[in-house]
Amino acid sequence: MDDTLRVGLVGAGPWARTVHAPGLTEHPGTALSAVWARRPDVAGTFADEHGARACATFDELLGEVDAVAFAVPPAAQAEFAVAAARAGKHLILEKPLAADVAGAERIADAVADAGVAALMVLTLRYALRTREWLAGVGEVGGWLGGSARWLSGALLGDRYGGSPWRQAEGALADIGPHAFDLLDAALGEITGVLAAHRTGEDLWHVLFEHAGGATSTASLSLRLPVRPTVVEFAVYGEPGYRTLGREPDSAGDSYTALLDDFAAMIASGTRAHPCDVHRGVHLQRLLAECLRLAGHRS
């Protein structure tokens, strides 16, 4: 028990309830020890359900834990994550990292200055199926292009339809980081956004260029009445055509794999990871460029 990481959870919404809390509670290397949310009544009920302590303030939570997991909107994460890093706490960070590039860079700077571990919750990357697919893609060269399609009606339903930041920011901010991260991992670093277009129905089409010359496309929406959700990735070129789909209900297993890596980083003193805070900054810059090209705020 002395080696168990005491983790505080900031936020008590649907994602905190279905992924963060069960994962932190059930993982052998972590304990959900404290909870803080802006609504004390919600935080109290949530904490009671998981045998954790409800904290009256964020500062109180920092005094109780070794690490902090965030399940809050991007703008709030940018504020609290900087304070947590400066307090020497390791971080589990949601995507997007912040509301803008400046906020993302502030988090990364605070993490670097404090020397703490920080991982992004890019759930697709931690899935075993994804890791095997990426390993296979990486074994050969000659990939010329790729594509991502993530088409869902998630914002039309009850589970996430009531999320103000998701309703305001839409598919680009919510699922864009997942899609862009995986295309980048498969085809090489995305070095530019060649085009980005958003329809009135929040359907995004994006064209990327990658280091090495490959190009890729992404089509994203959370407001299409598609059942089941379509999540498909593909790469193609001289080796042929290879696809990857998302396994339904795999977020819990992916979060467990994240916690495995997180605990190992802390125990070993390692800070670099394919999904670390610097990855979050890279993805934030891609989101900002998509918004700029589509004529939206950045």
C-alpha atoms as a PDB file:
ATOM      1  CA  MET A   1       0.000   0.000   0.000  1.00  0.00           C
ATOM      2  CA  ASP A   2       2.968   2.356   0.574  1.00  0.00           C
ATOM      3  CA  ASP A   3       3.631   2.334  -3.182  1.00  0.00           C
ATOM      4  CA  THR A   4       0.026   3.093  -4.106  1.00  0.00           C
ATOM      5  CA  LEU A   5      -0.419   6.447  -5.813  1.00  0.00           C
ATOM      6  CA  ARG A   6      -2.994   8.631  -4.122  1.00  0.00           C
ATOM      7  CA  VAL A   7      -4.899  10.275  -6.964  1.00  0.00           C
ATOM      8  CA  GLY A   8      -7.308  13.170  -6.689  1.00  0.00           C
ATOM      9  CA  LEU A   9     -10.041  13.538  -9.294  1.00  0.00           C
ATOM     10  CA  VAL A  10     -11.145  16.982 -10.428  1.00  0.00           C
ATOM     11  CA  GLY A  11     -14.610  16.830 -11.949  1.00  0.00           C
ATOM     12  CA  ALA A  12     -17.629  14.607 -11.414  1.00  0.00           C
ATOM     13  CA  GLY A  13     -19.356  14.451 -14.800  1.00  0.00           C
ATOM     14  CA  PRO A  14     -20.209  11.437 -16.978  1.00  0.00           C
ATOM     15  CA  TRP A  15     -16.633  10.753 -18.129  1.00  0.00           C
ATOM     16  CA  ALA A  16     -15.326  11.016 -14.570  1.00  0.00           C
ATOM     17  CA  ARG A  17     -17.991   8.548 -13.436  1.00  0.00           C
ATOM     18  CA  THR A  18     -17.665   5.982 -16.207  1.00  0.00           C
ATOM     19  CA  VAL A  19     -13.912   5.979 -16.880  1.00  0.00           C
ATOM     20  CA  HIS A  20     -11.731   7.867 -14.393  1.00  0.00           C
ATOM     21  CA  ALA A  21     -13.282   6.778 -11.109  1.00  0.00           C
ATOM     22  CA  PRO A  22     -13.643   3.041 -11.894  1.00  0.00           C
ATOM     23  CA  GLY A  23     -10.171   2.927 -13.398  1.00  0.00           C
ATOM     24  CA  LEU A  24      -8.468   4.658 -10.482  1.00  0.00           C
ATOM     25  CA  THR A  25     -10.377   2.585  -7.940  1.00  0.00           C
ATOM     26  CA  GLU A  26      -9.730  -0.794  -9.525  1.00  0.00           C
ATOM     27  CA  HIS A  27      -6.113  -0.359 -10.626  1.00  0.00           C
ATOM     28  CA  PRO A  28      -3.652  -2.027  -8.210  1.00  0.00           C
ATOM     29  CA  GLY A  29      -1.216   0.877  -8.372  1.00  0.00           C
ATOM     30  CA  THR A  30      -3.631   3.740  -7.702  1.00  0.00           C
ATOM     31  CA  ALA A  31      -6.243   4.789  -5.186  1.00  0.00           C
ATOM     32  CA  LEU A  32      -8.948   7.375  -5.755  1.00  0.00           C
ATOM     33  CA  SER A  33      -8.414   9.249  -2.512  1.00  0.00           C
ATOM     34  CA  ALA A  34      -9.991  12.677  -3.061  1.00  0.00           C
ATOM     35  CA  VAL A  35     -12.570  14.389  -5.271  1.00  0.00           C
ATOM     36  CA  TRP A  36     -13.242  18.047  -5.944  1.00  0.00           C
ATOM     37  CA  ALA A  37     -15.870  19.591  -8.206  1.00  0.00           C
ATOM     38  CA  ARG A  38     -17.391  23.051  -8.447  1.00  0.00           C
ATOM     39  CA  ARG A  39     -20.655  21.730  -7.010  1.00  0.00           C
ATOM     40  CA  PRO A  40     -19.985  20.462  -3.450  1.00  0.00           C
ATOM     41  CA  ASP A  41     -23.141  18.352  -3.321  1.00  0.00           C
ATOM     42  CA  VAL A  42     -22.210  16.485  -6.501  1.00  0.00           C
ATOM     43  CA  ALA A  43     -18.627  16.005  -5.320  1.00  0.00           C
ATOM     44  CA  GLY A  44     -19.835  14.690  -1.959  1.00  0.00           C
ATOM     45  CA  THR A  45     -22.132  12.083  -3.461  1.00  0.00           C
ATOM     46  CA  PHE A  46     -19.505  11.070  -6.004  1.00  0.00           C
ATOM     47  CA  ALA A  47     -16.803  10.691  -3.352  1.00  0.00           C
ATOM     48  CA  ASP A  48     -19.075   8.611  -1.112  1.00  0.00           C
ATOM     49  CA  GLU A  49     -19.770   6.222  -3.971  1.00  0.00           C
ATOM     50  CA  HIS A  50     -16.069   5.489  -4.360  1.00  0.00           C
ATOM     51  CA  GLY A  51     -14.829   5.640  -0.785  1.00  0.00           C
ATOM     52  CA  ALA A  52     -12.942   8.876  -1.399  1.00  0.00           C
ATOM     53  CA  ARG A  53     -12.823  12.164   0.473  1.00  0.00           C
ATOM     54  CA  ALA A  54     -14.774  15.125  -0.895  1.00  0.00           C
ATOM     55  CA  CYS A  55     -12.629  18.259  -0.681  1.00  0.00           C
ATOM     56  CA  ALA A  56     -14.058  21.724  -0.172  1.00  0.00           C
ATOM     57  CA  THR A  57     -11.431  23.404  -2.350  1.00  0.00           C
ATOM     58  CA  PHE A  58      -8.973  22.505  -5.074  1.00  0.00           C
ATOM     59  CA  ASP A  59      -6.082  23.475  -2.797  1.00  0.00           C
ATOM     60  CA  GLU A  60      -7.372  21.052  -0.180  1.00  0.00           C
ATOM     61  CA  LEU A  61      -7.339  18.265  -2.756  1.00  0.00           C
ATOM     62  CA  LEU A  62      -3.720  19.084  -3.660  1.00  0.00           C
ATOM     63  CA  GLY A  63      -2.745  18.573  -0.048  1.00  0.00           C
ATOM     64  CA  GLU A  64      -4.186  15.054  -0.020  1.00  0.00           C
ATOM     65  CA  VAL A  65      -2.716  13.445  -3.149  1.00  0.00           C
ATOM     66  CA  ASP A  66       0.361  12.460  -5.161  1.00  0.00           C
ATOM     67  CA  ALA A  67      -1.289  12.940  -8.541  1.00  0.00           C
ATOM     68  CA  VAL A  68      -4.330  14.651 -10.057  1.00  0.00           C
ATOM     69  CA  ALA A  69      -6.635  13.369 -12.793  1.00  0.00           C
ATOM     70  CA  PHE A  70      -8.750  15.924 -14.626  1.00  0.00           C
ATOM     71  CA  ALA A  71     -12.231  15.461 -16.061  1.00  0.00           C
ATOM     72  CA  VAL A  72     -13.159  19.098 -16.638  1.00  0.00           C
ATOM     73  CA  PRO A  73     -13.572  21.421 -19.651  1.00  0.00           C
ATOM     74  CA  PRO A  74     -10.351  22.471 -21.418  1.00  0.00           C
ATOM     75  CA  ALA A  75     -10.314  26.050 -20.102  1.00  0.00           C
ATOM     76  CA  ALA A  76     -10.650  24.847 -16.503  1.00  0.00           C
ATOM     77  CA  GLN A  77      -7.973  22.195 -16.987  1.00  0.00           C
ATOM     78  CA  ALA A  78      -5.541  24.859 -18.215  1.00  0.00           C
ATOM     79  CA  GLU A  79      -6.033  26.758 -14.977  1.00  0.00           C
ATOM     80  CA  PHE A  80      -5.922  23.914 -12.475  1.00  0.00           C
ATOM     81  CA  ALA A  81      -3.262  21.760 -14.147  1.00  0.00           C
ATOM     82  CA  VAL A  82      -0.679  24.543 -13.933  1.00  0.00           C
ATOM     83  CA  ALA A  83      -1.350  24.910 -10.203  1.00  0.00           C
ATOM     84  CA  ALA A  84      -1.179  21.153  -9.668  1.00  0.00           C
ATOM     85  CA  ALA A  85       2.129  20.826 -11.511  1.00  0.00           C
ATOM     86  CA  ARG A  86       3.615  23.711  -9.543  1.00  0.00           C
ATOM     87  CA  ALA A  87       2.556  21.871  -6.381  1.00  0.00           C
ATOM     88  CA  GLY A  88       4.597  18.870  -7.540  1.00  0.00           C
ATOM     89  CA  LYS A  89       1.660  16.656  -8.482  1.00  0.00           C
ATOM     90  CA  HIS A  90       1.772  14.219 -11.393  1.00  0.00           C
ATOM     91  CA  LEU A  91      -0.988  14.774 -13.950  1.00  0.00           C
ATOM     92  CA  ILE A  92      -3.526  12.771 -15.945  1.00  0.00           C
ATOM     93  CA  LEU A  93      -4.786  15.246 -18.531  1.00  0.00           C
ATOM     94  CA  GLU A  94      -7.843  15.207 -20.755  1.00  0.00           C
ATOM     95  CA  LYS A  95      -7.896  16.292 -24.370  1.00  0.00           C
ATOM     96  CA  PRO A  96      -7.814  18.898 -25.633  1.00  0.00           C
ATOM     97  CA  LEU A  97      -5.140  20.075 -23.258  1.00  0.00           C
ATOM     98  CA  ALA A  98      -6.526  23.610 -23.035  1.00  0.00           C
ATOM     99  CA  ALA A  99      -8.861  26.049 -24.745  1.00  0.00           C
ATOM    100  CA  ASP A 100      -6.022  27.494 -26.863  1.00  0.00           C
ATOM    101  CA  VAL A 101      -2.352  27.059 -27.678  1.00  0.00           C
ATOM    102  CA  ALA A 102      -1.197  29.554 -25.059  1.00  0.00           C
ATOM    103  CA  GLY A 103      -2.989  27.632 -22.328  1.00  0.00           C
ATOM    104  CA  ALA A 104      -1.534  24.328 -23.516  1.00  0.00           C
ATOM    105  CA  GLU A 105       1.973  25.768 -23.525  1.00  0.00           C
ATOM    106  CA  ARG A 106       1.543  27.068 -19.979  1.00  0.00           C
ATOM    107  CA  ILE A 107       0.700  23.570 -18.790  1.00  0.00           C
ATOM    108  CA  ALA A 108       3.685  22.066 -20.606  1.00  0.00           C
ATOM    109  CA  ASP A 109       6.010  24.702 -19.177  1.00  0.00           C
ATOM    110  CA  ALA A 110       4.719  24.062 -15.648  1.00  0.00           C
ATOM    111  CA  VAL A 111       5.174  20.303 -16.077  1.00  0.00           C
ATOM    112  CA  ALA A 112       8.734  20.753 -17.342  1.00  0.00           C
ATOM    113  CA  ASP A 113       9.662  23.156 -14.555  1.00  0.00           C
ATOM    114  CA  ALA A 114       8.276  20.837 -11.869  1.00  0.00           C
ATOM    115  CA  GLY A 115       9.672  17.633 -13.369  1.00  0.00           C
ATOM    116  CA  VAL A 116       6.396  15.753 -12.872  1.00  0.00           C
ATOM    117  CA  ALA A 117       4.898  13.029 -15.054  1.00  0.00           C
ATOM    118  CA  ALA A 118       1.977  14.030 -17.268  1.00  0.00           C
ATOM    119  CA  LEU A 119      -0.047  11.813 -19.612  1.00  0.00           C
ATOM    120  CA  MET A 120      -2.864  12.653 -21.997  1.00  0.00           C
ATOM    121  CA  VAL A 121      -6.047  10.553 -21.957  1.00  0.00           C
ATOM    122  CA  LEU A 122      -5.819   9.607 -25.634  1.00  0.00           C
ATOM    123  CA  THR A 123      -7.740   6.391 -25.101  1.00  0.00           C
ATOM    124  CA  LEU A 124      -7.351   5.019 -28.627  1.00  0.00           C
ATOM    125  CA  ARG A 125      -3.565   4.994 -28.340  1.00  0.00           C
ATOM    126  CA  TYR A 126      -3.584   2.798 -25.231  1.00  0.00           C
ATOM    127  CA  ALA A 127      -5.825   0.089 -26.700  1.00  0.00           C
ATOM    128  CA  LEU A 128      -4.023  -3.191 -27.399  1.00  0.00           C
ATOM    129  CA  ARG A 129      -5.559  -3.416 -30.869  1.00  0.00           C
ATOM    130  CA  THR A 130      -4.225   0.062 -31.714  1.00  0.00           C
ATOM    131  CA  ARG A 131      -0.747  -0.700 -30.417  1.00  0.00           C
ATOM    132  CA  GLU A 132      -0.582  -3.867 -32.509  1.00  0.00           C
ATOM    133  CA  TRP A 133      -1.843  -2.008 -35.589  1.00  0.00           C
ATOM    134  CA  LEU A 134       0.689   0.796 -35.187  1.00  0.00           C
ATOM    135  CA  ALA A 135       3.484  -1.723 -34.658  1.00  0.00           C
ATOM    136  CA  GLY A 136       2.536  -3.485 -37.876  1.00  0.00           C
ATOM    137  CA  VAL A 137       2.318  -0.225 -39.808  1.00  0.00           C
ATOM    138  CA  GLY A 138       5.698   0.825 -38.466  1.00  0.00           C
ATOM    139  CA  GLU A 139       7.418  -2.378 -39.554  1.00  0.00           C
ATOM    140  CA  VAL A 140       7.214  -1.427 -43.224  1.00  0.00           C
ATOM    141  CA  GLY A 141       7.690   1.762 -45.210  1.00  0.00           C
ATOM    142  CA  GLY A 142       6.064   3.173 -48.288  1.00  0.00           C
ATOM    143  CA  TRP A 143       2.833   4.488 -46.807  1.00  0.00           C
ATOM    144  CA  LEU A 144       1.522   7.288 -49.024  1.00  0.00           C
ATOM    145  CA  GLY A 145      -1.662   8.294 -47.272  1.00  0.00           C
ATOM    146  CA  GLY A 146      -4.317   7.618 -44.711  1.00  0.00           C
ATOM    147  CA  SER A 147      -7.762   8.522 -43.509  1.00  0.00           C
ATOM    148  CA  ALA A 148      -9.824   8.803 -40.361  1.00  0.00           C
ATOM    149  CA  ARG A 149     -13.603   8.765 -40.078  1.00  0.00           C
ATOM    150  CA  TRP A 150     -15.332   9.381 -36.748  1.00  0.00           C
ATOM    151  CA  LEU A 151     -19.052   9.858 -37.245  1.00  0.00           C
ATOM    152  CA  SER A 152     -21.340   9.844 -34.225  1.00  0.00           C
ATOM    153  CA  GLY A 153     -24.520  11.241 -32.769  1.00  0.00           C
ATOM    154  CA  ALA A 154     -23.034  11.572 -29.274  1.00  0.00           C
ATOM    155  CA  LEU A 155     -24.036  15.222 -28.879  1.00  0.00           C
ATOM    156  CA  LEU A 156     -27.615  14.384 -29.835  1.00  0.00           C
ATOM    157  CA  GLY A 157     -28.013  12.009 -26.898  1.00  0.00           C
ATOM    158  CA  ASP A 158     -28.376  12.378 -23.139  1.00  0.00           C
ATOM    159  CA  ARG A 159     -24.947  11.191 -21.991  1.00  0.00           C
ATOM    160  CA  TYR A 160     -22.817  13.982 -23.495  1.00  0.00           C
ATOM    161  CA  GLY A 161     -25.510  16.176 -25.003  1.00  0.00           C
ATOM    162  CA  GLY A 162     -25.637  18.165 -21.771  1.00  0.00           C
ATOM    163  CA  SER A 163     -21.925  19.013 -21.827  1.00  0.00           C
ATOM    164  CA  PRO A 164     -21.710  22.784 -22.455  1.00  0.00           C
ATOM    165  CA  TRP A 165     -18.114  22.787 -23.664  1.00  0.00           C
ATOM    166  CA  ARG A 166     -18.702  19.887 -26.059  1.00  0.00           C
ATOM    167  CA  GLN A 167     -21.803  21.568 -27.445  1.00  0.00           C
ATOM    168  CA  ALA A 168     -19.857  24.804 -27.912  1.00  0.00           C
ATOM    169  CA  GLU A 169     -16.643  23.351 -29.337  1.00  0.00           C
ATOM    170  CA  GLY A 170     -18.080  20.335 -31.147  1.00  0.00           C
ATOM    171  CA  ALA A 171     -16.349  17.477 -32.881  1.00  0.00           C
ATOM    172  CA  LEU A 172     -13.040  19.174 -33.604  1.00  0.00           C
ATOM    173  CA  ALA A 173     -12.133  19.718 -29.955  1.00  0.00           C
ATOM    174  CA  ASP A 174     -13.678  16.531 -28.584  1.00  0.00           C
ATOM    175  CA  ILE A 175     -12.669  13.790 -31.012  1.00  0.00           C
ATOM    176  CA  GLY A 176     -10.230  15.679 -33.232  1.00  0.00           C
ATOM    177  CA  PRO A 177      -7.298  15.070 -30.854  1.00  0.00           C
ATOM    178  CA  HIS A 178      -7.914  11.307 -30.965  1.00  0.00           C
ATOM    179  CA  ALA A 179      -8.118  11.193 -34.758  1.00  0.00           C
ATOM    180  CA  PHE A 180      -5.200  13.532 -35.413  1.00  0.00           C
ATOM    181  CA  ASP A 181      -3.004  11.747 -32.877  1.00  0.00           C
ATOM    182  CA  LEU A 182      -3.531   8.360 -34.496  1.00  0.00           C
ATOM    183  CA  LEU A 183      -2.938   9.617 -38.051  1.00  0.00           C
ATOM    184  CA  ASP A 184       0.245  11.273 -36.804  1.00  0.00           C
ATOM    185  CA  ALA A 185       1.406   8.109 -35.048  1.00  0.00           C
ATOM    186  CA  ALA A 186       0.740   5.957 -38.118  1.00  0.00           C
ATOM    187  CA  LEU A 187       2.112   8.159 -40.905  1.00  0.00           C
ATOM    188  CA  GLY A 188       4.682  10.370 -39.219  1.00  0.00           C
ATOM    189  CA  GLU A 189       4.434  13.800 -37.667  1.00  0.00           C
ATOM    190  CA  ILE A 190       1.753  16.053 -39.102  1.00  0.00           C
ATOM    191  CA  THR A 191       3.702  19.037 -40.361  1.00  0.00           C
ATOM    192  CA  GLY A 192       0.863  21.078 -41.801  1.00  0.00           C
ATOM    193  CA  VAL A 193      -2.872  21.464 -42.195  1.00  0.00           C
ATOM    194  CA  LEU A 194      -3.482  21.891 -45.927  1.00  0.00           C
ATOM    195  CA  ALA A 195      -7.236  22.500 -45.681  1.00  0.00           C
ATOM    196  CA  ALA A 196     -10.029  22.469 -43.118  1.00  0.00           C
ATOM    197  CA  HIS A 197     -13.751  22.931 -43.643  1.00  0.00           C
ATOM    198  CA  ARG A 198     -16.706  22.791 -41.257  1.00  0.00           C
ATOM    199  CA  THR A 199     -20.317  22.512 -42.359  1.00  0.00           C
ATOM    200  CA  GLY A 200     -23.260  24.002 -40.501  1.00  0.00           C
ATOM    201  CA  GLU A 201     -23.940  20.549 -39.037  1.00  0.00           C
ATOM    202  CA  ASP A 202     -20.492  20.507 -37.380  1.00  0.00           C
ATOM    203  CA  LEU A 203     -19.105  18.044 -39.923  1.00  0.00           C
ATOM    204  CA  TRP A 204     -15.370  18.631 -40.305  1.00  0.00           C
ATOM    205  CA  HIS A 205     -13.165  17.659 -43.250  1.00  0.00           C
ATOM    206  CA  VAL A 206      -9.427  18.152 -42.770  1.00  0.00           C
ATOM    207  CA  LEU A 207      -6.431  17.508 -45.041  1.00  0.00           C
ATOM    208  CA  PHE A 208      -2.952  16.999 -43.525  1.00  0.00           C
ATOM    209  CA  GLU A 209       0.610  16.697 -44.757  1.00  0.00           C
ATOM    210  CA  HIS A 210       3.087  14.508 -42.876  1.00  0.00           C
ATOM    211  CA  ALA A 211       6.838  14.428 -42.511  1.00  0.00           C
ATOM    212  CA  GLY A 212       8.087  12.134 -45.254  1.00  0.00           C
ATOM    213  CA  GLY A 213       5.496  13.239 -47.795  1.00  0.00           C
ATOM    214  CA  ALA A 214       2.352  11.295 -46.896  1.00  0.00           C
ATOM    215  CA  THR A 215      -1.039  13.016 -46.812  1.00  0.00           C
ATOM    216  CA  SER A 216      -4.144  12.120 -44.847  1.00  0.00           C
ATOM    217  CA  THR A 217      -7.736  13.168 -44.351  1.00  0.00           C
ATOM    218  CA  ALA A 218     -10.072  13.256 -41.368  1.00  0.00           C
ATOM    219  CA  SER A 219     -13.878  13.480 -41.342  1.00  0.00           C
ATOM    220  CA  LEU A 220     -15.413  14.164 -37.944  1.00  0.00           C
ATOM    221  CA  SER A 221     -18.881  14.740 -36.538  1.00  0.00           C
ATOM    222  CA  LEU A 222     -20.722  14.237 -33.253  1.00  0.00           C
ATOM    223  CA  ARG A 223     -24.078  15.383 -34.591  1.00  0.00           C
ATOM    224  CA  LEU A 224     -24.887  12.732 -37.168  1.00  0.00           C
ATOM    225  CA  PRO A 225     -27.607  10.181 -36.263  1.00  0.00           C
ATOM    226  CA  VAL A 226     -25.290   7.255 -37.031  1.00  0.00           C
ATOM    227  CA  ARG A 227     -25.759   3.977 -35.178  1.00  0.00           C
ATOM    228  CA  PRO A 228     -23.463   2.391 -34.342  1.00  0.00           C
ATOM    229  CA  THR A 229     -20.795   5.069 -34.232  1.00  0.00           C
ATOM    230  CA  VAL A 230     -18.339   4.854 -37.129  1.00  0.00           C
ATOM    231  CA  VAL A 231     -14.678   4.967 -36.075  1.00  0.00           C
ATOM    232  CA  GLU A 232     -12.362   3.833 -38.857  1.00  0.00           C
ATOM    233  CA  PHE A 233      -8.706   4.502 -39.641  1.00  0.00           C
ATOM    234  CA  ALA A 234      -6.774   3.401 -42.707  1.00  0.00           C
ATOM    235  CA  VAL A 235      -3.313   3.724 -44.215  1.00  0.00           C
ATOM    236  CA  TYR A 236      -2.394   2.840 -47.781  1.00  0.00           C
ATOM    237  CA  GLY A 237       0.599   2.768 -50.093  1.00  0.00           C
ATOM    238  CA  GLU A 238       3.138   0.313 -51.439  1.00  0.00           C
ATOM    239  CA  PRO A 239       2.488  -2.256 -48.631  1.00  0.00           C
ATOM    240  CA  GLY A 240      -1.244  -2.246 -49.412  1.00  0.00           C
ATOM    241  CA  TYR A 241      -4.191  -1.094 -47.322  1.00  0.00           C
ATOM    242  CA  ARG A 242      -4.531  -1.571 -43.572  1.00  0.00           C
ATOM    243  CA  THR A 243      -7.513  -0.586 -41.466  1.00  0.00           C
ATOM    244  CA  LEU A 244      -8.271  -0.150 -37.793  1.00  0.00           C
ATOM    245  CA  GLY A 245     -11.637   0.124 -36.078  1.00  0.00           C
ATOM    246  CA  ARG A 246     -12.417   1.000 -32.496  1.00  0.00           C
ATOM    247  CA  GLU A 247     -13.607  -1.726 -30.186  1.00  0.00           C
ATOM    248  CA  PRO A 248     -16.891  -0.715 -28.538  1.00  0.00           C
ATOM    249  CA  ASP A 249     -16.723  -0.030 -24.801  1.00  0.00           C
ATOM    250  CA  SER A 250     -12.918  -0.222 -24.744  1.00  0.00           C
ATOM    251  CA  ALA A 251     -12.308   3.050 -22.851  1.00  0.00           C
ATOM    252  CA  GLY A 252     -12.012   1.283 -19.496  1.00  0.00           C
ATOM    253  CA  ASP A 253      -9.325  -1.123 -20.683  1.00  0.00           C
ATOM    254  CA  SER A 254      -7.447   1.734 -22.363  1.00  0.00           C
ATOM    255  CA  TYR A 255      -7.547   3.777 -19.176  1.00  0.00           C
ATOM    256  CA  THR A 256      -6.128   0.838 -17.248  1.00  0.00           C
ATOM    257  CA  ALA A 257      -3.249   0.645 -19.741  1.00  0.00           C
ATOM    258  CA  LEU A 258      -2.702   4.388 -19.296  1.00  0.00           C
ATOM    259  CA  LEU A 259      -2.470   3.922 -15.534  1.00  0.00           C
ATOM    260  CA  ASP A 260       0.055   1.111 -16.053  1.00  0.00           C
ATOM    261  CA  ASP A 261       2.269   3.512 -18.003  1.00  0.00           C
ATOM    262  CA  PHE A 262       1.620   6.390 -15.594  1.00  0.00           C
ATOM    263  CA  ALA A 263       2.659   4.386 -12.531  1.00  0.00           C
ATOM    264  CA  ALA A 264       5.727   3.048 -14.351  1.00  0.00           C
ATOM    265  CA  MET A 265       6.805   6.573 -15.364  1.00  0.00           C
ATOM    266  CA  ILE A 266       6.573   7.800 -11.784  1.00  0.00           C
ATOM    267  CA  ALA A 267       8.365   4.791 -10.332  1.00  0.00           C
ATOM    268  CA  SER A 268      11.217   4.980 -12.860  1.00  0.00           C
ATOM    269  CA  GLY A 269      11.539   8.750 -13.030  1.00  0.00           C
ATOM    270  CA  THR A 270      10.788   8.687 -16.754  1.00  0.00           C
ATOM    271  CA  ARG A 271       8.986  11.726 -18.120  1.00  0.00           C
ATOM    272  CA  ALA A 272       8.954  11.195 -21.889  1.00  0.00           C
ATOM    273  CA  HIS A 273       6.064   9.223 -23.401  1.00  0.00           C
ATOM    274  CA  PRO A 274       4.332   9.163 -26.813  1.00  0.00           C
ATOM    275  CA  CYS A 275       1.206  10.595 -25.134  1.00  0.00           C
ATOM    276  CA  ASP A 276       2.860  13.049 -22.766  1.00  0.00           C
ATOM    277  CA  VAL A 277       2.006  16.729 -22.307  1.00  0.00           C
ATOM    278  CA  HIS A 278       4.097  17.748 -25.325  1.00  0.00           C
ATOM    279  CA  ARG A 279       1.842  15.582 -27.457  1.00  0.00           C
ATOM    280  CA  GLY A 280      -1.057  17.580 -26.112  1.00  0.00           C
ATOM    281  CA  VAL A 281       0.579  20.839 -27.188  1.00  0.00           C
ATOM    282  CA  HIS A 282       1.224  19.482 -30.698  1.00  0.00           C
ATOM    283  CA  LEU A 283      -2.414  18.467 -31.045  1.00  0.00           C
ATOM    284  CA  GLN A 284      -3.579  21.830 -29.687  1.00  0.00           C
ATOM    285  CA  ARG A 285      -1.631  23.590 -32.436  1.00  0.00           C
ATOM    286  CA  LEU A 286      -3.289  21.409 -35.079  1.00  0.00           C
ATOM    287  CA  LEU A 287      -6.736  22.253 -33.686  1.00  0.00           C
ATOM    288  CA  ALA A 288      -5.905  25.960 -33.780  1.00  0.00           C
ATOM    289  CA  GLU A 289      -4.747  25.755 -37.387  1.00  0.00           C
ATOM    290  CA  CYS A 290      -7.939  23.917 -38.403  1.00  0.00           C
ATOM    291  CA  LEU A 291     -10.005  26.677 -36.814  1.00  0.00           C
ATOM    292  CA  ARG A 292      -7.965  29.359 -38.551  1.00  0.00           C
ATOM    293  CA  LEU A 293      -8.317  27.795 -41.988  1.00  0.00           C
ATOM    294  CA  ALA A 294     -12.038  27.219 -41.485  1.00  0.00           C
ATOM    295  CA  GLY A 295     -12.503  30.866 -40.532  1.00  0.00           C
ATOM    296  CA  HIS A 296     -13.226  30.290 -36.848  1.00  0.00           C
ATOM    297  CA  ARG A 297     -11.530  31.615 -33.729  1.00  0.00           C
ATOM    298  CA  SER A 298      -8.181  30.092 -32.771  1.00  0.00           C
END
